[in-house]
Amino acid sequence: MEKFDLIVLGGGPAGYAAAMRGIDFNKKVCLIEKDKVGGAGVYNGALSSKTLWELANNIAGINDTIVSNGRKPYEVAWEDVRKTVDEAVFERKFQYSCHIKLLQKESEHIQFKYERGFGKFLSKNEIEIDHEGTKKVIWGENIIIATGSRPRVMPNIAVDHSTILTSDDIEHITDYPKSLVIVGAGVIGCEYATIFSNFGKTKVYIIDRQDVILPFEDEDISSMIESNLKAKGVTVHHNATLTRMETINNEVEYELLYPNGFKEVIRVEKALLSVGRIPNIETLGLENAGVNMSARGFHIGDDDTLTNVPNIYAVGDVTGRIALVNMGEIEARHAVEKMFENKKERISYDNVCTIMFLNPEVASVGINEKYCIENNIPVKIVKIDFSVMTRAIAMRKTQGFFKIIVTNDKEMKILGMRAVGEHASSAIQAVGLLIKMNVGIEALSELIHPHPSIVEGIQECVRMLLKRSIFKSSVFKDKLACYSLVDGIKTPLERL
């Protein structure tokens, strides 16, 4: 039986990062993947869907210009869209493939092995690998579970993968659907609504059980995104309960029930279920290793990546924490450092930078205003509109804003930020670093930013808090805001 210092189950972003970090410690590592290295992060998630978003966003930008000048909308055949996505996926797939082959050839310096097949626990150290019926058993001193997740389905809806789809299916359709209903108004649902409405070939509907999309975000973000979706022709069914959805004559018919008792029946060409994801853990044989589940029952219980079994770790989507590529990679690297470096510092989830590919894009780090209100946290908040930023004016992309939340004291340590608009994802890293460092805003106020750039808006935000700003919030009240939030009451800081 071949023995390893580390066995990694799953070759998605988290699993691959774990294996590579194990190599850094000169350990003998085995990576097991049943299907495709890169996982949903490449094939049905971060890379493929964001390639779609970039294409759709570019087309929408072109059409916003030429249609206003009286010209016909620019169109791209779905075949060409699919080709571009396939090229992007192949490029990343090729990088992974070459990397693995070259690593395995470096036998004198690196002890790395890649195994195709299903991995299953026989004990806390033994893993059985089943590749197309051929089985073998290997032994691992440490094992990391990084088997990812898959789209959740609804028990009363028959997913046929051709008319009623999941996010794994939607990118493999053969043409633009004439109409599409999306069940769920969270991040994934709103991203696909943005993509297909931006292409301009699909009538999009969203079924939302609540009275606002993206209910976890601040109202000013949710309302802006919804307003833009509606401007692209998207219909949002608010406060709607889906009572029936079925395929009839190759179309999807769905029925909605509203709080006032009103019922509505609509037919569309296709439906997309966007109601979350569930971990891929059922076939792992966790009971053979004694690994316990979380209190919710469908994720693996973990304490700073470590399960209840001392040599078995869980990272990425299987933990039920933050299901993001960057977070899965961080958890994976952290787990390896715990096992081989005895790392004591725990992972912090306070400064995780995220991005939502909407119209416009939304980036975030730390807590938001909604959280502060719900948890009665006294803070100071500053907000600047893109319309007063030179770079945004130059790009003719002035819709959006920066909002920064700091402690309500003299130190004004940054607790969170929301960036909405062009280049949003490039604007939050410095704030994420300051949150991790637990320092105040003074350093940002003195940093010399390139001009013109979107990140200059961050500097103007902190200058407002320090009463050093170029534009004064008391004058440009429709463009700038600077206030304290205590007991849910907003008080302009210029009055303090």
Protein backbone atom coordinates (compact mmCIF):
# COMPACT_ATOMS: atom_id res chain seq x y z
CA MET A 1 0.00 0.00 0.00
CA GLU A 2 1.44 3.35 -1.06
CA LYS A 3 1.72 5.89 1.75
CA PHE A 4 1.52 9.69 1.62
CA ASP A 5 2.02 12.57 4.01
CA LEU A 6 -1.07 14.23 2.55
CA ILE A 7 -4.03 12.97 0.53
CA VAL A 8 -6.39 15.55 -0.95
CA LEU A 9 -9.88 14.51 -2.00
CA GLY A 10 -11.05 16.85 -4.76
CA GLY A 11 -9.16 18.80 -7.41
CA GLY A 12 -11.17 22.01 -7.44
CA PRO A 13 -9.67 25.37 -6.39
CA ALA A 14 -9.45 24.42 -2.70
CA GLY A 15 -8.11 20.91 -3.26
CA TYR A 16 -5.55 22.01 -5.81
CA ALA A 17 -4.31 24.79 -3.52
CA ALA A 18 -3.96 22.28 -0.68
CA ALA A 19 -1.90 19.90 -2.78
CA MET A 20 0.41 22.66 -3.99
CA ARG A 21 0.93 23.96 -0.45
CA GLY A 22 1.81 20.43 0.65
CA ILE A 23 4.50 20.36 -2.04
CA ASP A 24 5.94 23.55 -0.55
CA PHE A 25 6.67 21.62 2.64
CA ASN A 26 8.45 18.86 0.66
CA LYS A 27 5.77 16.36 1.59
CA LYS A 28 4.60 13.36 -0.40
CA VAL A 29 1.22 14.41 -1.76
CA CYS A 30 -1.58 12.62 -3.62
CA LEU A 31 -4.37 14.58 -5.28
CA ILE A 32 -7.52 12.62 -6.18
CA GLU A 33 -10.09 14.04 -8.62
CA LYS A 34 -13.04 12.13 -10.07
CA ASP A 35 -13.64 14.33 -13.10
CA LYS A 36 -11.98 17.64 -13.97
CA VAL A 37 -9.18 19.46 -12.18
CA GLY A 38 -10.32 23.01 -11.50
CA GLY A 39 -13.85 21.97 -10.60
CA ALA A 40 -16.76 24.39 -10.68
CA GLY A 41 -14.29 27.26 -10.35
CA VAL A 42 -13.37 26.67 -14.00
CA TYR A 43 -16.15 24.74 -15.70
CA ASN A 44 -19.45 25.81 -14.15
CA GLY A 45 -18.61 28.77 -11.99
CA ALA A 46 -16.10 31.54 -11.56
CA LEU A 47 -14.30 31.37 -14.90
CA SER A 48 -17.00 30.26 -17.33
CA SER A 49 -19.84 32.40 -15.98
CA LYS A 50 -17.64 35.47 -15.64
CA THR A 51 -16.45 35.05 -19.22
CA LEU A 52 -20.14 35.13 -20.15
CA TRP A 53 -20.61 38.24 -18.01
CA GLU A 54 -17.69 40.05 -19.63
CA LEU A 55 -19.07 39.32 -23.11
CA ALA A 56 -22.60 40.37 -22.19
CA ASN A 57 -21.35 43.49 -20.42
CA ASN A 58 -19.29 44.53 -23.44
CA ILE A 59 -22.22 44.00 -25.79
CA ALA A 60 -24.55 45.98 -23.53
CA GLY A 61 -22.01 48.81 -23.42
CA ILE A 62 -21.76 48.90 -27.20
CA ASN A 63 -25.52 48.87 -27.60
CA ASP A 64 -26.04 51.61 -25.02
CA THR A 65 -24.00 53.81 -27.35
CA ILE A 66 -25.11 52.80 -30.85
CA VAL A 67 -28.82 52.36 -30.14
CA SER A 68 -29.01 55.87 -28.67
CA ASN A 69 -27.59 57.08 -32.00
CA GLY A 70 -30.38 55.40 -33.94
CA ARG A 71 -28.50 52.30 -35.09
CA LYS A 72 -29.65 48.69 -34.77
CA PRO A 73 -28.37 46.72 -31.76
CA TYR A 74 -25.16 44.79 -32.18
CA GLU A 75 -25.71 41.04 -31.92
CA VAL A 76 -23.43 38.05 -31.36
CA ALA A 77 -24.49 34.51 -32.23
CA TRP A 78 -24.69 32.14 -29.25
CA GLU A 79 -22.32 29.85 -31.14
CA ASP A 80 -19.65 32.58 -30.96
CA VAL A 81 -20.40 33.23 -27.31
CA ARG A 82 -20.01 29.55 -26.53
CA LYS A 83 -16.76 29.42 -28.49
CA THR A 84 -15.27 32.26 -26.44
CA VAL A 85 -16.26 30.61 -23.17
CA ASP A 86 -14.84 27.27 -24.33
CA GLU A 87 -11.56 28.96 -25.26
CA ALA A 88 -11.27 30.54 -21.82
CA VAL A 89 -12.03 27.24 -20.08
CA PHE A 90 -9.60 25.32 -22.30
CA GLU A 91 -6.82 27.82 -21.57
CA ARG A 92 -7.16 27.28 -17.84
CA LYS A 93 -7.64 23.53 -18.25
CA PHE A 94 -4.47 23.33 -20.35
CA GLN A 95 -2.51 25.20 -17.66
CA TYR A 96 -3.65 22.75 -14.98
CA SER A 97 -2.93 19.73 -17.20
CA CYS A 98 0.59 20.87 -18.10
CA HIS A 99 1.34 21.83 -14.51
CA ILE A 100 0.33 18.40 -13.19
CA LYS A 101 2.31 16.52 -15.83
CA LEU A 102 5.45 18.57 -15.21
CA LEU A 103 5.12 18.24 -11.44
CA GLN A 104 4.94 14.45 -11.69
CA LYS A 105 8.06 14.42 -13.85
CA GLU A 106 9.98 16.34 -11.18
CA SER A 107 10.41 13.11 -9.23
CA GLU A 108 13.85 14.07 -7.93
CA HIS A 109 12.57 17.18 -6.23
CA ILE A 110 8.81 16.77 -5.83
CA GLN A 111 6.86 13.76 -4.55
CA PHE A 112 3.49 14.46 -6.15
CA LYS A 113 0.96 12.02 -7.55
CA TYR A 114 -2.31 12.70 -9.34
CA GLU A 115 -5.02 10.02 -9.31
CA ARG A 116 -8.21 9.99 -11.37
CA GLY A 117 -11.22 8.40 -9.70
CA PHE A 118 -13.63 8.47 -6.76
CA GLY A 119 -11.99 8.60 -3.37
CA LYS A 120 -13.69 6.96 -0.39
CA PHE A 121 -12.67 6.57 3.26
CA LEU A 122 -12.11 3.02 4.48
CA SER A 123 -10.69 4.31 7.77
CA LYS A 124 -9.30 7.59 9.05
CA ASN A 125 -6.08 6.94 7.10
CA GLU A 126 -7.11 4.65 4.25
CA ILE A 127 -8.63 5.89 0.99
CA GLU A 128 -10.01 3.63 -1.71
CA ILE A 129 -9.70 5.01 -5.24
CA ASP A 130 -12.20 3.71 -7.79
CA HIS A 131 -11.36 4.59 -11.39
CA GLU A 132 -13.78 3.06 -13.87
CA GLY A 133 -14.11 -0.10 -11.79
CA THR A 134 -10.43 -0.50 -10.99
CA LYS A 135 -9.83 -0.06 -7.28
CA LYS A 136 -6.79 0.45 -5.10
CA VAL A 137 -6.16 1.63 -1.55
CA ILE A 138 -3.65 4.24 -0.39
CA TRP A 139 -2.72 5.47 3.08
CA GLY A 140 -2.45 9.07 4.24
CA GLU A 141 -1.09 10.53 7.44
CA ASN A 142 -3.25 13.60 6.82
CA ILE A 143 -6.33 13.90 4.62
CA ILE A 144 -8.09 17.00 3.32
CA ILE A 145 -11.69 16.84 2.12
CA ALA A 146 -12.20 19.38 -0.68
CA THR A 147 -14.89 17.76 -2.79
CA GLY A 148 -16.83 20.97 -3.47
CA SER A 149 -20.56 21.34 -4.04
CA ARG A 150 -23.29 21.11 -6.66
CA PRO A 151 -26.47 23.09 -7.35
CA ARG A 152 -29.35 22.47 -5.00
CA VAL A 153 -32.60 21.31 -6.56
CA MET A 154 -36.14 21.62 -5.27
CA PRO A 155 -38.04 18.43 -4.31
CA ASN A 156 -41.23 19.40 -6.14
CA ILE A 157 -39.54 20.40 -9.42
CA ALA A 158 -38.27 17.87 -11.96
CA VAL A 159 -34.96 19.11 -13.35
CA ASP A 160 -34.57 17.68 -16.84
CA HIS A 161 -31.36 19.63 -17.66
CA SER A 162 -32.79 20.83 -20.98
CA THR A 163 -35.79 23.02 -20.14
CA ILE A 164 -35.55 23.20 -16.34
CA LEU A 165 -31.88 23.80 -15.61
CA THR A 166 -29.35 24.31 -12.85
CA SER A 167 -26.32 26.59 -13.04
CA ASP A 168 -24.35 23.55 -14.27
CA ASP A 169 -26.65 23.33 -17.30
CA ILE A 170 -27.38 26.93 -18.29
CA GLU A 171 -24.09 27.58 -20.06
CA HIS A 172 -24.47 24.47 -22.23
CA ILE A 173 -27.68 25.53 -23.95
CA THR A 174 -27.58 25.64 -27.76
CA ASP A 175 -29.00 29.14 -28.28
CA TYR A 176 -30.26 32.19 -26.46
CA PRO A 177 -33.58 31.31 -24.84
CA LYS A 178 -36.39 33.60 -25.94
CA SER A 179 -37.54 33.70 -22.32
CA LEU A 180 -36.03 32.53 -19.05
CA VAL A 181 -37.34 32.42 -15.49
CA ILE A 182 -34.81 32.35 -12.66
CA VAL A 183 -35.86 30.91 -9.31
CA GLY A 184 -33.96 32.78 -6.62
CA ALA A 185 -32.81 36.39 -6.31
CA GLY A 186 -29.46 35.82 -4.65
CA VAL A 187 -26.03 36.38 -6.19
CA ILE A 188 -26.06 33.59 -8.78
CA GLY A 189 -29.63 34.28 -9.87
CA CYS A 190 -29.03 38.01 -10.26
CA GLU A 191 -25.75 37.41 -12.10
CA TYR A 192 -27.43 35.24 -14.74
CA ALA A 193 -30.31 37.71 -14.97
CA THR A 194 -27.70 40.39 -15.68
CA ILE A 195 -25.92 38.25 -18.27
CA PHE A 196 -28.96 37.28 -20.32
CA SER A 197 -30.64 40.69 -20.12
CA ASN A 198 -27.40 42.35 -21.23
CA PHE A 199 -27.21 40.12 -24.31
CA GLY A 200 -30.61 41.57 -25.18
CA LYS A 201 -32.00 38.38 -26.70
CA THR A 202 -33.93 36.97 -23.73
CA LYS A 203 -36.92 38.10 -21.72
CA VAL A 204 -35.91 37.40 -18.12
CA TYR A 205 -38.11 36.82 -15.05
CA ILE A 206 -36.90 36.46 -11.46
CA ILE A 207 -38.92 34.79 -8.73
CA ASP A 208 -38.14 36.40 -5.39
CA ARG A 209 -39.81 35.28 -2.16
CA GLN A 210 -38.88 38.55 -0.49
CA ASP A 211 -39.66 42.19 -1.25
CA VAL A 212 -36.13 43.01 -2.41
CA ILE A 213 -33.46 41.19 -4.42
CA LEU A 214 -30.06 40.59 -2.81
CA PRO A 215 -31.70 40.82 0.63
CA PHE A 216 -28.40 40.52 2.49
CA GLU A 217 -27.09 43.78 1.01
CA ASP A 218 -27.81 47.44 1.78
CA GLU A 219 -30.97 48.87 0.27
CA ASP A 220 -29.09 51.39 -1.88
CA ILE A 221 -27.22 48.53 -3.58
CA SER A 222 -30.23 46.26 -4.04
CA SER A 223 -32.41 49.04 -5.41
CA MET A 224 -29.76 50.17 -7.91
CA ILE A 225 -29.21 46.64 -9.22
CA GLU A 226 -32.94 45.98 -9.47
CA SER A 227 -33.56 49.29 -11.22
CA ASN A 228 -30.92 48.45 -13.82
CA LEU A 229 -32.33 44.96 -14.34
CA LYS A 230 -35.78 46.38 -14.91
CA ALA A 231 -34.35 48.91 -17.37
CA LYS A 232 -33.11 45.90 -19.36
CA GLY A 233 -36.61 44.43 -19.39
CA VAL A 234 -36.30 42.03 -16.43
CA THR A 235 -39.50 41.29 -14.52
CA VAL A 236 -39.07 40.63 -10.79
CA HIS A 237 -41.85 38.68 -9.06
CA HIS A 238 -41.52 40.00 -5.50
CA ASN A 239 -43.10 38.28 -2.48
CA ALA A 240 -43.98 35.34 -4.71
CA THR A 241 -44.29 31.70 -3.72
CA LEU A 242 -43.62 29.19 -6.48
CA THR A 243 -46.43 26.65 -6.19
CA ARG A 244 -45.83 24.76 -9.43
CA MET A 245 -43.24 24.42 -12.17
CA GLU A 246 -43.39 21.79 -14.89
CA THR A 247 -42.37 21.12 -18.46
CA ILE A 248 -45.26 21.23 -20.96
CA ASN A 249 -44.67 20.83 -24.70
CA ASN A 250 -40.96 21.66 -24.32
CA GLU A 251 -41.76 24.85 -22.43
CA VAL A 252 -41.78 25.68 -18.73
CA GLU A 253 -45.02 26.64 -17.06
CA TYR A 254 -44.90 28.05 -13.56
CA GLU A 255 -47.51 29.24 -11.11
CA LEU A 256 -47.02 31.89 -8.45
CA LEU A 257 -49.01 32.73 -5.34
CA TYR A 258 -48.83 36.19 -3.78
CA PRO A 259 -49.65 37.23 -0.18
CA ASN A 260 -52.96 38.80 -1.25
CA GLY A 261 -54.11 35.47 -2.70
CA PHE A 262 -53.54 36.43 -6.32
CA LYS A 263 -52.29 33.60 -8.56
CA GLU A 264 -50.32 33.99 -11.77
CA VAL A 265 -49.42 31.41 -14.43
CA ILE A 266 -46.63 32.15 -16.93
CA ARG A 267 -44.95 30.13 -19.67
CA VAL A 268 -41.33 30.57 -20.70
CA GLU A 269 -38.84 28.68 -22.82
CA LYS A 270 -36.47 27.73 -20.02
CA ALA A 271 -36.10 27.90 -16.24
CA LEU A 272 -32.98 28.21 -14.09
CA LEU A 273 -32.99 27.04 -10.48
CA SER A 274 -30.71 29.23 -8.41
CA VAL A 275 -31.49 28.19 -4.85
CA GLY A 276 -28.06 27.51 -3.40
CA ARG A 277 -25.60 24.62 -3.45
CA ILE A 278 -25.06 21.45 -1.40
CA PRO A 279 -21.76 19.71 -0.60
CA ASN A 280 -20.53 16.61 -2.42
CA ILE A 281 -20.05 14.31 0.57
CA GLU A 282 -22.58 11.46 0.35
CA THR A 283 -20.23 8.93 -1.27
CA LEU A 284 -17.11 9.72 0.76
CA GLY A 285 -17.68 7.08 3.45
CA LEU A 286 -17.26 9.66 6.21
CA GLU A 287 -18.79 7.23 8.71
CA ASN A 288 -15.85 4.86 8.13
CA ALA A 289 -13.47 7.58 9.31
CA GLY A 290 -15.71 8.80 12.14
CA VAL A 291 -16.11 12.30 10.69
CA ASN A 292 -19.07 14.15 12.18
CA MET A 293 -21.46 16.43 10.34
CA SER A 294 -22.22 20.02 11.30
CA ALA A 295 -25.22 20.97 13.42
CA ARG A 296 -27.15 21.69 10.22
CA GLY A 297 -26.54 18.11 9.15
CA PHE A 298 -25.50 18.56 5.53
CA HIS A 299 -22.02 20.08 5.88
CA ILE A 300 -18.90 18.73 7.52
CA GLY A 301 -18.33 20.12 10.97
CA ASP A 302 -14.97 21.87 11.21
CA ASP A 303 -13.01 23.95 13.68
CA ASP A 304 -10.64 26.22 11.77
CA THR A 305 -10.54 23.62 8.92
CA LEU A 306 -10.03 20.64 11.31
CA THR A 307 -12.79 18.05 11.68
CA ASN A 308 -13.45 16.06 14.85
CA VAL A 309 -10.88 13.52 13.58
CA PRO A 310 -7.39 14.97 14.28
CA ASN A 311 -5.79 14.08 10.94
CA ILE A 312 -8.78 14.95 8.70
CA TYR A 313 -9.47 18.47 7.49
CA ALA A 314 -12.32 20.05 5.52
CA VAL A 315 -11.99 23.08 3.25
CA GLY A 316 -14.02 24.92 0.63
CA ASP A 317 -17.71 24.41 -0.06
CA VAL A 318 -18.03 21.23 2.04
CA THR A 319 -17.72 23.29 5.23
CA GLY A 320 -20.76 25.44 4.51
CA ARG A 321 -18.88 28.64 5.23
CA ILE A 322 -18.11 31.15 2.46
CA ALA A 323 -18.42 29.34 -0.88
CA LEU A 324 -15.90 31.34 -2.88
CA VAL A 325 -12.82 30.28 -4.83
CA ASN A 326 -10.53 32.67 -2.97
CA MET A 327 -11.84 31.57 0.42
CA GLY A 328 -11.53 27.88 -0.44
CA GLU A 329 -7.91 28.40 -1.45
CA ILE A 330 -7.14 30.30 1.75
CA GLU A 331 -8.76 27.60 3.90
CA ALA A 332 -6.82 24.90 2.03
CA ARG A 333 -3.46 26.59 2.47
CA HIS A 334 -4.28 27.25 6.11
CA ALA A 335 -5.11 23.58 6.74
CA VAL A 336 -1.78 22.45 5.30
CA GLU A 337 0.06 25.01 7.41
CA LYS A 338 -1.74 23.75 10.51
CA MET A 339 -0.71 20.14 9.87
CA PHE A 340 2.90 20.72 8.80
CA GLU A 341 3.80 24.03 10.43
CA ASN A 342 1.60 23.83 13.54
CA LYS A 343 0.10 27.21 12.68
CA LYS A 344 -1.76 28.67 15.66
CA GLU A 345 -3.36 31.77 14.16
CA ARG A 346 -6.95 31.08 13.15
CA ILE A 347 -8.48 32.05 9.82
CA SER A 348 -10.21 35.42 9.88
CA TYR A 349 -13.34 35.81 7.80
CA ASP A 350 -13.60 39.52 8.60
CA ASN A 351 -11.70 40.81 5.56
CA VAL A 352 -12.87 38.50 2.77
CA CYS A 353 -13.06 40.45 -0.50
CA THR A 354 -15.95 39.45 -2.75
CA ILE A 355 -17.40 40.57 -6.06
CA MET A 356 -20.85 40.22 -7.60
CA PHE A 357 -20.93 40.40 -11.38
CA LEU A 358 -24.01 42.55 -11.80
CA ASN A 359 -24.87 45.84 -13.50
CA PRO A 360 -22.84 47.56 -12.23
CA GLU A 361 -20.43 45.21 -10.50
CA VAL A 362 -20.51 45.15 -6.69
CA ALA A 363 -17.47 44.45 -4.52
CA SER A 364 -17.47 44.11 -0.75
CA VAL A 365 -15.30 43.48 2.26
CA GLY A 366 -16.23 43.38 5.91
CA ILE A 367 -19.64 44.34 7.30
CA ASN A 368 -22.26 46.55 5.67
CA GLU A 369 -24.66 49.19 6.93
CA LYS A 370 -27.55 46.73 7.12
CA TYR A 371 -25.56 44.52 9.48
CA CYS A 372 -24.72 47.50 11.70
CA ILE A 373 -28.39 48.46 11.99
CA GLU A 374 -29.55 44.90 12.69
CA ASN A 375 -26.86 44.38 15.36
CA ASN A 376 -26.99 47.91 16.81
CA ILE A 377 -23.30 48.60 16.14
CA PRO A 378 -22.40 52.31 16.48
CA VAL A 379 -20.35 53.38 13.46
CA LYS A 380 -19.41 56.25 11.20
CA ILE A 381 -20.26 55.90 7.52
CA VAL A 382 -19.02 57.83 4.52
CA LYS A 383 -20.29 57.58 0.97
CA ILE A 384 -19.12 59.14 -2.29
CA ASP A 385 -20.89 58.99 -5.64
CA PHE A 386 -19.01 57.99 -8.78
CA SER A 387 -20.31 61.14 -10.49
CA VAL A 388 -17.71 63.25 -8.62
CA MET A 389 -14.76 60.97 -9.50
CA THR A 390 -12.61 62.15 -12.39
CA ARG A 391 -11.92 58.67 -13.76
CA ALA A 392 -15.60 57.72 -13.72
CA ILE A 393 -16.43 60.94 -15.58
CA ALA A 394 -13.73 60.17 -18.15
CA MET A 395 -15.09 56.64 -18.68
CA ARG A 396 -18.65 58.01 -18.88
CA LYS A 397 -19.51 55.45 -16.21
CA THR A 398 -20.76 57.58 -13.36
CA GLN A 399 -23.31 55.21 -11.82
CA GLY A 400 -22.07 53.81 -8.54
CA PHE A 401 -20.59 54.73 -5.20
CA PHE A 402 -18.11 53.85 -2.48
CA LYS A 403 -19.33 53.36 1.08
CA ILE A 404 -16.88 52.90 3.95
CA ILE A 405 -17.82 51.95 7.52
CA VAL A 406 -15.51 52.74 10.45
CA THR A 407 -15.67 52.52 14.22
CA ASN A 408 -17.46 55.39 15.95
CA ASP A 409 -14.42 56.67 17.80
CA LYS A 410 -11.27 58.71 17.21
CA GLU A 411 -9.34 55.74 15.82
CA MET A 412 -11.92 55.14 13.09
CA LYS A 413 -10.78 51.60 12.28
CA ILE A 414 -12.28 50.29 9.07
CA LEU A 415 -14.98 47.66 9.53
CA GLY A 416 -16.26 47.31 5.99
CA MET A 417 -16.65 48.72 2.51
CA ARG A 418 -19.05 48.43 -0.41
CA ALA A 419 -17.96 49.45 -3.90
CA VAL A 420 -20.55 49.67 -6.67
CA GLY A 421 -19.56 50.60 -10.22
CA GLU A 422 -16.73 50.28 -12.75
CA HIS A 423 -13.47 48.87 -11.35
CA ALA A 424 -15.24 48.08 -8.07
CA SER A 425 -13.31 44.85 -7.53
CA SER A 426 -9.99 46.66 -7.90
CA ALA A 427 -10.85 49.22 -5.26
CA ILE A 428 -11.30 47.19 -2.10
CA GLN A 429 -7.99 45.40 -1.54
CA ALA A 430 -6.37 48.19 0.47
CA VAL A 431 -9.42 48.41 2.70
CA GLY A 432 -9.35 44.63 3.20
CA LEU A 433 -5.72 44.90 4.27
CA LEU A 434 -6.48 47.66 6.78
CA ILE A 435 -9.29 45.55 8.27
CA LYS A 436 -6.85 42.67 8.74
CA MET A 437 -4.25 45.00 10.26
CA ASN A 438 -6.92 46.51 12.55
CA VAL A 439 -5.68 50.04 11.97
CA GLY A 440 -7.33 53.40 11.37
CA ILE A 441 -7.88 55.39 8.20
CA GLU A 442 -5.01 57.85 8.52
CA ALA A 443 -2.70 55.85 6.24
CA LEU A 444 -5.22 55.89 3.40
CA SER A 445 -5.69 59.64 3.64
CA GLU A 446 -1.99 60.29 3.02
CA LEU A 447 -1.41 57.67 0.32
CA ILE A 448 -0.74 59.19 -3.12
CA HIS A 449 -3.06 57.46 -5.57
CA PRO A 450 -2.59 57.53 -9.35
CA HIS A 451 -4.69 60.13 -11.15
CA PRO A 452 -7.18 59.78 -12.58
CA SER A 453 -8.22 56.52 -10.94
CA ILE A 454 -11.31 55.11 -9.30
CA VAL A 455 -9.43 54.43 -6.06
CA GLU A 456 -9.03 58.17 -5.51
CA GLY A 457 -12.63 58.00 -4.33
CA ILE A 458 -11.52 55.93 -1.34
CA GLN A 459 -9.07 58.63 -0.36
CA GLU A 460 -11.77 61.28 -0.60
CA CYS A 461 -14.00 59.14 1.62
CA VAL A 462 -11.48 58.95 4.44
CA ARG A 463 -10.67 62.63 4.03
CA MET A 464 -14.34 63.40 4.61
CA LEU A 465 -14.18 61.48 7.86
CA LEU A 466 -11.05 63.42 8.82
CA LYS A 467 -12.65 66.74 7.72
CA ARG A 468 -9.99 67.25 5.03
CA SER A 469 -12.00 66.54 1.90
CA ILE A 470 -11.90 68.51 -1.35
CA PHE A 471 -15.67 68.36 -1.79
CA LYS A 472 -17.74 68.97 1.35
CA SER A 473 -20.61 66.62 2.16
CA SER A 474 -22.63 69.50 3.64
CA VAL A 475 -22.60 71.18 0.20
CA PHE A 476 -22.84 68.23 -2.23
CA LYS A 477 -25.53 66.46 -0.24
CA ASP A 478 -26.80 64.50 -3.23
CA LYS A 479 -23.29 63.23 -4.07
CA LEU A 480 -21.60 62.83 -0.71
CA ALA A 481 -22.68 61.59 2.71
CA CYS A 482 -20.83 61.47 6.00
CA TYR A 483 -22.77 60.47 9.09
CA SER A 484 -22.77 58.54 12.33
CA LEU A 485 -25.15 55.65 12.90
CA VAL A 486 -26.10 55.06 16.54
CA ASP A 487 -29.21 53.16 17.67
CA GLY A 488 -30.37 53.19 14.07
CA ILE A 489 -30.34 56.98 13.92
CA LYS A 490 -28.28 58.77 11.27
CA THR A 491 -26.64 62.06 12.23
CA PRO A 492 -24.60 64.08 9.68
CA LEU A 493 -21.05 64.41 10.98
CA GLU A 494 -20.86 68.08 10.05
CA ARG A 495 -23.39 68.68 12.80
CA LEU A 496 -21.31 66.99 15.48
